[in-house]
Amino acid sequence: MHQKYRGSFLFLCLILFLASLFFYFSKEQRTAFPVHEEGRLISVGDLKDLSAKKESFVLLDVRLQEEYDAGHIENAILMPLNTLSTRFNELPKDKPIIVYCRTGRRSAQATSFLRSKGFANAIDLSGGYSEWMSRKTAEPH
């Protein structure tokens, strides 16, 4: 390598290293929850663990009223996806918000929307209420 490019190469390596540290630590500080896919997903098992540990978070159900009435996860707040754009200011920005729907499509949209509005701790429940119920029925009584 030519001497004239060596300094530039080392400088570039240093910048890349510092950038990787920044992204690593900023991800760790966003949430202490066991999240997956760049902090956007949480599994049903991990949610159950958090609930058992009495961790502080908001559980947001973005399904319709009829779906919520037919069954929901305990302590969930109902805010249907079609009302989220006008009601998101009701949610706290200082707590993680775990969002769920029936299977995950609407909650992925809601999570993306909340993140665009500054809710860095918005997390999508992988598999949604369907996964929650299938795990609940599979557990020994």
C-alpha atoms as a PDB file:
ATOM      1  CA  MET A   1       0.000   0.000   0.000  1.00  0.00           C
ATOM      2  CA  HIS A   2       1.338   3.416  -0.871  1.00  0.00           C
ATOM      3  CA  GLN A   3       2.418   5.564   2.032  1.00  0.00           C
ATOM      4  CA  LYS A   4       0.162   8.402   0.841  1.00  0.00           C
ATOM      5  CA  TYR A   5      -3.003   6.242   1.183  1.00  0.00           C
ATOM      6  CA  ARG A   6      -2.046   4.538   4.437  1.00  0.00           C
ATOM      7  CA  GLY A   7      -3.164   7.419   6.662  1.00  0.00           C
ATOM      8  CA  SER A   8      -6.500   7.711   4.866  1.00  0.00           C
ATOM      9  CA  PHE A   9      -7.088   3.969   5.143  1.00  0.00           C
ATOM     10  CA  LEU A  10      -6.378   3.993   8.897  1.00  0.00           C
ATOM     11  CA  PHE A  11      -8.623   7.008   9.362  1.00  0.00           C
ATOM     12  CA  LEU A  12     -11.450   5.259   7.492  1.00  0.00           C
ATOM     13  CA  CYS A  13     -10.990   2.132   9.633  1.00  0.00           C
ATOM     14  CA  LEU A  14     -11.181   4.253  12.788  1.00  0.00           C
ATOM     15  CA  ILE A  15     -14.388   5.948  11.612  1.00  0.00           C
ATOM     16  CA  LEU A  16     -16.005   2.593  10.778  1.00  0.00           C
ATOM     17  CA  PHE A  17     -15.001   1.175  14.156  1.00  0.00           C
ATOM     18  CA  LEU A  18     -16.418   4.173  16.034  1.00  0.00           C
ATOM     19  CA  ALA A  19     -19.640   4.045  13.998  1.00  0.00           C
ATOM     20  CA  SER A  20     -20.083   0.357  14.818  1.00  0.00           C
ATOM     21  CA  LEU A  21     -19.595   1.107  18.524  1.00  0.00           C
ATOM     22  CA  PHE A  22     -22.168   3.884  18.340  1.00  0.00           C
ATOM     23  CA  PHE A  23     -24.786   1.630  16.746  1.00  0.00           C
ATOM     24  CA  TYR A  24     -24.038  -1.199  19.171  1.00  0.00           C
ATOM     25  CA  PHE A  25     -24.387   0.921  22.284  1.00  0.00           C
ATOM     26  CA  SER A  26     -27.327   2.981  21.051  1.00  0.00           C
ATOM     27  CA  LYS A  27     -29.200  -0.288  20.345  1.00  0.00           C
ATOM     28  CA  GLU A  28     -28.422  -1.571  23.836  1.00  0.00           C
ATOM     29  CA  GLN A  29     -29.707   1.625  25.442  1.00  0.00           C
ATOM     30  CA  ARG A  30     -32.992   1.684  23.489  1.00  0.00           C
ATOM     31  CA  THR A  31     -34.375  -1.209  25.481  1.00  0.00           C
ATOM     32  CA  ALA A  32     -33.196  -3.753  28.002  1.00  0.00           C
ATOM     33  CA  PHE A  33     -35.808  -6.208  26.742  1.00  0.00           C
ATOM     34  CA  PRO A  34     -34.810  -9.400  24.939  1.00  0.00           C
ATOM     35  CA  VAL A  35     -35.765  -8.169  21.492  1.00  0.00           C
ATOM     36  CA  HIS A  36     -34.908  -9.544  18.093  1.00  0.00           C
ATOM     37  CA  GLU A  37     -34.509  -8.155  14.566  1.00  0.00           C
ATOM     38  CA  GLU A  38     -32.798  -4.886  15.472  1.00  0.00           C
ATOM     39  CA  GLY A  39     -35.005  -4.267  18.500  1.00  0.00           C
ATOM     40  CA  ARG A  40     -38.279  -4.504  16.614  1.00  0.00           C
ATOM     41  CA  LEU A  41     -39.578  -7.942  17.658  1.00  0.00           C
ATOM     42  CA  ILE A  42     -40.133  -9.728  20.954  1.00  0.00           C
ATOM     43  CA  SER A  43     -41.193 -13.352  21.284  1.00  0.00           C
ATOM     44  CA  VAL A  44     -44.203 -14.550  23.254  1.00  0.00           C
ATOM     45  CA  GLY A  45     -41.880 -16.439  25.603  1.00  0.00           C
ATOM     46  CA  ASP A  46     -39.859 -13.313  26.324  1.00  0.00           C
ATOM     47  CA  LEU A  47     -43.052 -11.312  26.919  1.00  0.00           C
ATOM     48  CA  LYS A  48     -44.210 -13.930  29.421  1.00  0.00           C
ATOM     49  CA  ASP A  49     -40.838 -13.708  31.185  1.00  0.00           C
ATOM     50  CA  LEU A  50     -41.082  -9.913  31.371  1.00  0.00           C
ATOM     51  CA  SER A  51     -44.593 -10.130  32.780  1.00  0.00           C
ATOM     52  CA  ALA A  52     -43.460 -12.623  35.404  1.00  0.00           C
ATOM     53  CA  LYS A  53     -40.595 -10.297  36.393  1.00  0.00           C
ATOM     54  CA  LYS A  54     -43.070  -7.406  36.697  1.00  0.00           C
ATOM     55  CA  GLU A  55     -41.105  -5.301  34.193  1.00  0.00           C
ATOM     56  CA  SER A  56     -42.666  -1.947  33.352  1.00  0.00           C
ATOM     57  CA  PHE A  57     -44.034  -1.672  29.813  1.00  0.00           C
ATOM     58  CA  VAL A  58     -47.204  -0.822  27.922  1.00  0.00           C
ATOM     59  CA  LEU A  59     -49.002  -3.631  26.119  1.00  0.00           C
ATOM     60  CA  LEU A  60     -50.867  -2.193  23.136  1.00  0.00           C
ATOM     61  CA  ASP A  61     -53.564  -4.134  21.268  1.00  0.00           C
ATOM     62  CA  VAL A  62     -54.169  -2.638  17.803  1.00  0.00           C
ATOM     63  CA  ARG A  63     -57.003  -4.984  16.807  1.00  0.00           C
ATOM     64  CA  LEU A  64     -60.655  -3.995  16.498  1.00  0.00           C
ATOM     65  CA  GLN A  65     -62.981  -3.701  19.500  1.00  0.00           C
ATOM     66  CA  GLU A  66     -64.765  -6.946  18.572  1.00  0.00           C
ATOM     67  CA  GLU A  67     -61.484  -8.851  18.480  1.00  0.00           C
ATOM     68  CA  TYR A  68     -60.432  -7.381  21.819  1.00  0.00           C
ATOM     69  CA  ASP A  69     -63.786  -8.262  23.379  1.00  0.00           C
ATOM     70  CA  ALA A  70     -63.447 -11.855  22.154  1.00  0.00           C
ATOM     71  CA  GLY A  71     -60.156 -12.160  24.049  1.00  0.00           C
ATOM     72  CA  HIS A  72     -57.001 -10.202  24.776  1.00  0.00           C
ATOM     73  CA  ILE A  73     -53.769 -10.364  26.741  1.00  0.00           C
ATOM     74  CA  GLU A  74     -54.213  -9.253  30.332  1.00  0.00           C
ATOM     75  CA  ASN A  75     -53.540  -5.538  30.968  1.00  0.00           C
ATOM     76  CA  ALA A  76     -53.538  -4.670  27.258  1.00  0.00           C
ATOM     77  CA  ILE A  77     -54.689  -1.233  26.178  1.00  0.00           C
ATOM     78  CA  LEU A  78     -56.921  -1.208  23.120  1.00  0.00           C
ATOM     79  CA  MET A  79     -56.052   1.319  20.436  1.00  0.00           C
ATOM     80  CA  PRO A  80     -57.188  -0.001  17.040  1.00  0.00           C
ATOM     81  CA  LEU A  81     -54.749   0.600  14.199  1.00  0.00           C
ATOM     82  CA  ASN A  82     -57.232   2.877  12.416  1.00  0.00           C
ATOM     83  CA  THR A  83     -57.235   5.223  15.458  1.00  0.00           C
ATOM     84  CA  LEU A  84     -53.505   5.146  16.196  1.00  0.00           C
ATOM     85  CA  SER A  85     -52.647   8.164  14.051  1.00  0.00           C
ATOM     86  CA  THR A  86     -54.950  10.377  16.136  1.00  0.00           C
ATOM     87  CA  ARG A  87     -54.368   8.762  19.548  1.00  0.00           C
ATOM     88  CA  PHE A  88     -50.643   7.943  19.677  1.00  0.00           C
ATOM     89  CA  ASN A  89     -49.984  10.965  21.914  1.00  0.00           C
ATOM     90  CA  GLU A  90     -51.859   9.131  24.687  1.00  0.00           C
ATOM     91  CA  LEU A  91     -48.935   6.697  24.923  1.00  0.00           C
ATOM     92  CA  PRO A  92     -45.862   7.286  27.094  1.00  0.00           C
ATOM     93  CA  LYS A  93     -42.509   7.717  25.347  1.00  0.00           C
ATOM     94  CA  ASP A  94     -40.535   6.769  28.442  1.00  0.00           C
ATOM     95  CA  LYS A  95     -41.697   3.121  28.579  1.00  0.00           C
ATOM     96  CA  PRO A  96     -41.339   0.271  26.124  1.00  0.00           C
ATOM     97  CA  ILE A  97     -44.535  -0.317  24.143  1.00  0.00           C
ATOM     98  CA  ILE A  98     -45.146  -3.902  23.086  1.00  0.00           C
ATOM     99  CA  VAL A  99     -47.629  -3.907  20.216  1.00  0.00           C
ATOM    100  CA  TYR A 100     -49.738  -6.853  19.106  1.00  0.00           C
ATOM    101  CA  CYS A 101     -52.585  -7.741  16.781  1.00  0.00           C
ATOM    102  CA  ARG A 102     -53.935 -11.123  15.660  1.00  0.00           C
ATOM    103  CA  THR A 103     -50.952 -12.398  13.672  1.00  0.00           C
ATOM    104  CA  GLY A 104     -48.465  -9.534  13.366  1.00  0.00           C
ATOM    105  CA  ARG A 105     -49.316  -7.605  10.215  1.00  0.00           C
ATOM    106  CA  ARG A 106     -51.145  -4.680  11.849  1.00  0.00           C
ATOM    107  CA  SER A 107     -48.774  -4.593  14.804  1.00  0.00           C
ATOM    108  CA  ALA A 108     -45.797  -4.328  12.415  1.00  0.00           C
ATOM    109  CA  GLN A 109     -47.489  -1.314  10.796  1.00  0.00           C
ATOM    110  CA  ALA A 110     -48.262   0.184  14.211  1.00  0.00           C
ATOM    111  CA  THR A 111     -44.706  -0.374  15.459  1.00  0.00           C
ATOM    112  CA  SER A 112     -43.279   1.273  12.360  1.00  0.00           C
ATOM    113  CA  PHE A 113     -45.668   4.212  12.738  1.00  0.00           C
ATOM    114  CA  LEU A 114     -44.843   4.675  16.428  1.00  0.00           C
ATOM    115  CA  ARG A 115     -41.112   4.588  15.729  1.00  0.00           C
ATOM    116  CA  SER A 116     -41.591   7.271  13.064  1.00  0.00           C
ATOM    117  CA  LYS A 117     -43.251   9.408  15.748  1.00  0.00           C
ATOM    118  CA  GLY A 118     -40.326   9.093  18.170  1.00  0.00           C
ATOM    119  CA  PHE A 119     -41.314   5.988  20.131  1.00  0.00           C
ATOM    120  CA  ALA A 120     -37.901   4.307  19.939  1.00  0.00           C
ATOM    121  CA  ASN A 121     -39.037   1.556  22.330  1.00  0.00           C
ATOM    122  CA  ALA A 122     -41.966   0.363  20.217  1.00  0.00           C
ATOM    123  CA  ILE A 123     -41.629  -3.420  19.907  1.00  0.00           C
ATOM    124  CA  ASP A 124     -43.724  -5.822  17.833  1.00  0.00           C
ATOM    125  CA  LEU A 125     -44.938  -9.064  19.457  1.00  0.00           C
ATOM    126  CA  SER A 126     -43.899 -11.824  17.068  1.00  0.00           C
ATOM    127  CA  GLY A 127     -46.889 -13.946  16.044  1.00  0.00           C
ATOM    128  CA  GLY A 128     -49.387 -11.701  17.823  1.00  0.00           C
ATOM    129  CA  TYR A 129     -52.394 -12.876  19.801  1.00  0.00           C
ATOM    130  CA  SER A 130     -52.599 -16.111  17.798  1.00  0.00           C
ATOM    131  CA  GLU A 131     -49.110 -17.087  18.946  1.00  0.00           C
ATOM    132  CA  TRP A 132     -49.925 -15.999  22.506  1.00  0.00           C
ATOM    133  CA  MET A 133     -52.991 -18.255  22.562  1.00  0.00           C
ATOM    134  CA  SER A 134     -51.230 -21.220  20.957  1.00  0.00           C
ATOM    135  CA  ARG A 135     -48.495 -21.000  23.591  1.00  0.00           C
ATOM    136  CA  LYS A 136     -51.084 -20.599  26.338  1.00  0.00           C
ATOM    137  CA  THR A 137     -53.010 -23.708  25.281  1.00  0.00           C
ATOM    138  CA  ALA A 138     -49.772 -25.684  24.861  1.00  0.00           C
ATOM    139  CA  GLU A 139     -48.672 -24.975  28.449  1.00  0.00           C
ATOM    140  CA  PRO A 140     -49.305 -27.658  31.053  1.00  0.00           C
ATOM    141  CA  HIS A 141     -52.023 -26.735  33.531  1.00  0.00           C
END
